[in-house]
């Protein structure tokens, strides 16, 4: 499980954009976005660095990453 703190998310469009960016890397990824806490939890075969890069390309800032 990868948990990211993602800055810049403010609406459901952001949730869709973040989810889409992650699923472009891994179509089978499980993505849970919590707008209130700006937390994204991901179960994926893709590593955190690649996911952070994809989110950065989508216009978001990953402030913190935790891998469990």
N, C-alpha and C. Protein backbone atom coordinates (compact mmCIF):
# COMPACT_ATOMS: atom_id res chain seq x y z
N UNK A 1 0.85 -1.18 0.00
CA UNK A 1 0.00 0.00 0.00
C UNK A 1 0.89 1.24 0.00
N UNK A 2 0.56 2.15 -0.87
CA UNK A 2 1.26 3.43 -0.96
C UNK A 2 0.28 4.51 -0.51
N UNK A 3 0.73 5.40 0.36
CA UNK A 3 -0.11 6.52 0.80
C UNK A 3 0.62 7.81 0.47
N UNK A 4 -0.07 8.70 -0.24
CA UNK A 4 0.52 9.97 -0.65
C UNK A 4 -0.29 11.13 -0.09
N UNK A 5 0.39 12.17 0.32
CA UNK A 5 -0.25 13.45 0.63
C UNK A 5 -0.12 14.28 -0.65
N UNK A 6 -1.25 14.64 -1.23
CA UNK A 6 -1.25 15.32 -2.52
C UNK A 6 -1.87 16.71 -2.36
N UNK A 7 -1.09 17.73 -2.65
CA UNK A 7 -1.56 19.12 -2.56
C UNK A 7 -2.22 19.52 -3.88
N UNK A 8 -3.21 20.37 -3.79
CA UNK A 8 -3.85 20.92 -4.98
C UNK A 8 -5.16 20.26 -5.35
N UNK A 9 -5.57 19.23 -4.63
CA UNK A 9 -6.86 18.59 -4.91
C UNK A 9 -7.96 19.35 -4.18
N UNK A 10 -9.04 19.70 -4.92
CA UNK A 10 -10.09 20.47 -4.27
C UNK A 10 -11.51 20.06 -4.66
N UNK A 11 -11.65 19.15 -5.63
CA UNK A 11 -13.00 18.82 -6.11
C UNK A 11 -13.03 17.42 -6.70
N UNK A 12 -14.21 16.98 -7.11
CA UNK A 12 -14.36 15.65 -7.69
C UNK A 12 -13.62 15.52 -9.02
N UNK A 13 -13.47 16.61 -9.75
CA UNK A 13 -12.68 16.57 -10.98
C UNK A 13 -11.24 16.20 -10.65
N UNK A 14 -10.73 16.73 -9.56
CA UNK A 14 -9.36 16.40 -9.12
C UNK A 14 -9.26 14.91 -8.79
N UNK A 15 -10.27 14.39 -8.11
CA UNK A 15 -10.28 12.96 -7.77
C UNK A 15 -10.20 12.13 -9.05
N UNK A 16 -11.00 12.48 -10.04
CA UNK A 16 -10.99 11.75 -11.31
C UNK A 16 -9.64 11.87 -12.01
N UNK A 17 -9.07 13.06 -12.01
CA UNK A 17 -7.80 13.29 -12.69
C UNK A 17 -6.66 12.51 -12.02
N UNK A 18 -6.64 12.49 -10.70
CA UNK A 18 -5.63 11.74 -9.95
C UNK A 18 -5.79 10.24 -10.20
N UNK A 19 -7.02 9.77 -10.11
CA UNK A 19 -7.29 8.35 -10.33
C UNK A 19 -6.89 7.94 -11.74
N UNK A 20 -7.25 8.75 -12.72
CA UNK A 20 -6.91 8.45 -14.12
C UNK A 20 -5.40 8.42 -14.33
N UNK A 21 -4.68 9.36 -13.73
CA UNK A 21 -3.22 9.40 -13.88
C UNK A 21 -2.57 8.13 -13.34
N UNK A 22 -3.09 7.64 -12.22
CA UNK A 22 -2.54 6.42 -11.62
C UNK A 22 -2.92 5.20 -12.45
N UNK A 23 -4.15 5.14 -12.90
CA UNK A 23 -4.60 3.97 -13.67
C UNK A 23 -4.00 3.92 -15.08
N UNK A 24 -3.46 5.03 -15.56
CA UNK A 24 -2.74 4.99 -16.83
C UNK A 24 -1.43 4.21 -16.66
N UNK A 25 -0.90 4.18 -15.44
CA UNK A 25 0.31 3.41 -15.15
C UNK A 25 -0.01 1.95 -14.85
N UNK A 26 -1.12 1.72 -14.16
CA UNK A 26 -1.55 0.37 -13.76
C UNK A 26 -3.07 0.34 -13.80
N UNK A 27 -3.61 -0.25 -14.85
CA UNK A 27 -5.06 -0.28 -15.06
C UNK A 27 -5.81 -0.99 -13.93
N UNK A 28 -5.11 -1.84 -13.19
CA UNK A 28 -5.75 -2.61 -12.12
C UNK A 28 -5.51 -2.03 -10.73
N UNK A 29 -4.91 -0.86 -10.67
CA UNK A 29 -4.62 -0.22 -9.38
C UNK A 29 -5.90 0.08 -8.63
N UNK A 30 -5.85 -0.12 -7.31
CA UNK A 30 -6.95 0.29 -6.45
C UNK A 30 -6.58 1.65 -5.89
N UNK A 31 -7.43 2.64 -6.14
CA UNK A 31 -7.13 4.02 -5.76
C UNK A 31 -8.25 4.55 -4.87
N UNK A 32 -7.88 5.08 -3.71
CA UNK A 32 -8.84 5.69 -2.78
C UNK A 32 -8.36 7.11 -2.49
N UNK A 33 -9.16 8.09 -2.90
CA UNK A 33 -8.80 9.49 -2.70
C UNK A 33 -9.70 10.10 -1.63
N UNK A 34 -9.10 10.70 -0.62
CA UNK A 34 -9.83 11.41 0.43
C UNK A 34 -9.52 12.90 0.27
N UNK A 35 -10.48 13.63 -0.30
CA UNK A 35 -10.28 15.06 -0.56
C UNK A 35 -10.02 15.85 0.71
N UNK A 36 -10.78 15.54 1.75
CA UNK A 36 -10.69 16.32 2.99
C UNK A 36 -9.27 16.29 3.57
N UNK A 37 -8.67 15.10 3.59
CA UNK A 37 -7.33 14.98 4.16
C UNK A 37 -6.24 15.07 3.09
N UNK A 38 -6.64 15.18 1.82
CA UNK A 38 -5.72 15.23 0.68
C UNK A 38 -4.80 14.02 0.65
N UNK A 39 -5.39 12.87 0.98
CA UNK A 39 -4.65 11.61 1.01
C UNK A 39 -5.10 10.72 -0.14
N UNK A 40 -4.12 10.08 -0.78
CA UNK A 40 -4.41 9.10 -1.83
C UNK A 40 -3.76 7.80 -1.41
N UNK A 41 -4.58 6.74 -1.29
CA UNK A 41 -4.07 5.41 -0.95
C UNK A 41 -4.16 4.55 -2.20
N UNK A 42 -3.08 3.84 -2.49
CA UNK A 42 -2.99 3.10 -3.73
C UNK A 42 -2.45 1.70 -3.48
N UNK A 43 -3.09 0.71 -4.08
CA UNK A 43 -2.55 -0.64 -4.16
C UNK A 43 -2.23 -0.86 -5.62
N UNK A 44 -0.94 -1.02 -5.93
CA UNK A 44 -0.51 -1.09 -7.32
C UNK A 44 0.84 -1.79 -7.42
N UNK A 45 1.11 -2.32 -8.60
CA UNK A 45 2.44 -2.89 -8.87
C UNK A 45 3.42 -1.79 -9.24
N UNK A 46 2.92 -0.59 -9.49
CA UNK A 46 3.75 0.55 -9.85
C UNK A 46 4.34 1.16 -8.59
N UNK A 47 5.58 1.59 -8.66
CA UNK A 47 6.26 2.16 -7.50
C UNK A 47 5.86 3.58 -7.20
N UNK A 48 6.14 4.03 -5.97
CA UNK A 48 5.75 5.37 -5.54
C UNK A 48 6.41 6.49 -6.35
N UNK A 49 7.64 6.31 -6.78
CA UNK A 49 8.32 7.36 -7.55
C UNK A 49 7.62 7.58 -8.89
N UNK A 50 7.22 6.49 -9.54
CA UNK A 50 6.52 6.61 -10.83
C UNK A 50 5.14 7.24 -10.66
N UNK A 51 4.46 6.87 -9.58
CA UNK A 51 3.14 7.44 -9.32
C UNK A 51 3.28 8.93 -9.01
N UNK A 52 4.25 9.30 -8.18
CA UNK A 52 4.47 10.71 -7.86
C UNK A 52 4.78 11.52 -9.11
N UNK A 53 5.57 10.95 -10.00
CA UNK A 53 5.90 11.63 -11.25
C UNK A 53 4.66 11.83 -12.11
N UNK A 54 3.80 10.81 -12.19
CA UNK A 54 2.57 10.92 -12.98
C UNK A 54 1.65 11.99 -12.41
N UNK A 55 1.57 12.06 -11.08
CA UNK A 55 0.72 13.07 -10.45
C UNK A 55 1.30 14.47 -10.65
N UNK A 56 2.60 14.57 -10.61
CA UNK A 56 3.26 15.84 -10.89
C UNK A 56 2.96 16.29 -12.33
N UNK A 57 3.05 15.36 -13.27
CA UNK A 57 2.72 15.67 -14.67
C UNK A 57 1.27 16.10 -14.82
N UNK A 58 0.39 15.60 -13.94
CA UNK A 58 -1.03 15.95 -13.98
C UNK A 58 -1.30 17.28 -13.28
N UNK A 59 -0.26 17.88 -12.65
CA UNK A 59 -0.41 19.20 -12.06
C UNK A 59 -0.54 19.22 -10.54
N UNK A 60 -0.22 18.11 -9.88
CA UNK A 60 -0.35 18.03 -8.43
C UNK A 60 1.02 17.89 -7.78
N UNK A 61 1.11 18.30 -6.53
CA UNK A 61 2.35 18.21 -5.77
C UNK A 61 2.21 17.12 -4.72
N UNK A 62 3.09 16.14 -4.76
CA UNK A 62 3.10 15.09 -3.75
C UNK A 62 3.99 15.57 -2.62
N UNK A 63 3.36 15.82 -1.45
CA UNK A 63 4.08 16.40 -0.32
C UNK A 63 4.73 15.35 0.55
N UNK A 64 4.17 14.14 0.57
CA UNK A 64 4.68 13.09 1.47
C UNK A 64 4.29 11.74 0.91
N UNK A 65 5.17 10.76 1.07
CA UNK A 65 4.91 9.40 0.60
C UNK A 65 5.21 8.41 1.70
N UNK A 66 4.28 7.48 1.91
CA UNK A 66 4.46 6.40 2.87
C UNK A 66 4.19 5.09 2.16
N UNK A 67 5.09 4.11 2.34
CA UNK A 67 4.89 2.79 1.75
C UNK A 67 4.76 1.80 2.89
N UNK A 68 3.65 1.06 2.86
CA UNK A 68 3.42 0.06 3.93
C UNK A 68 3.41 -1.33 3.36
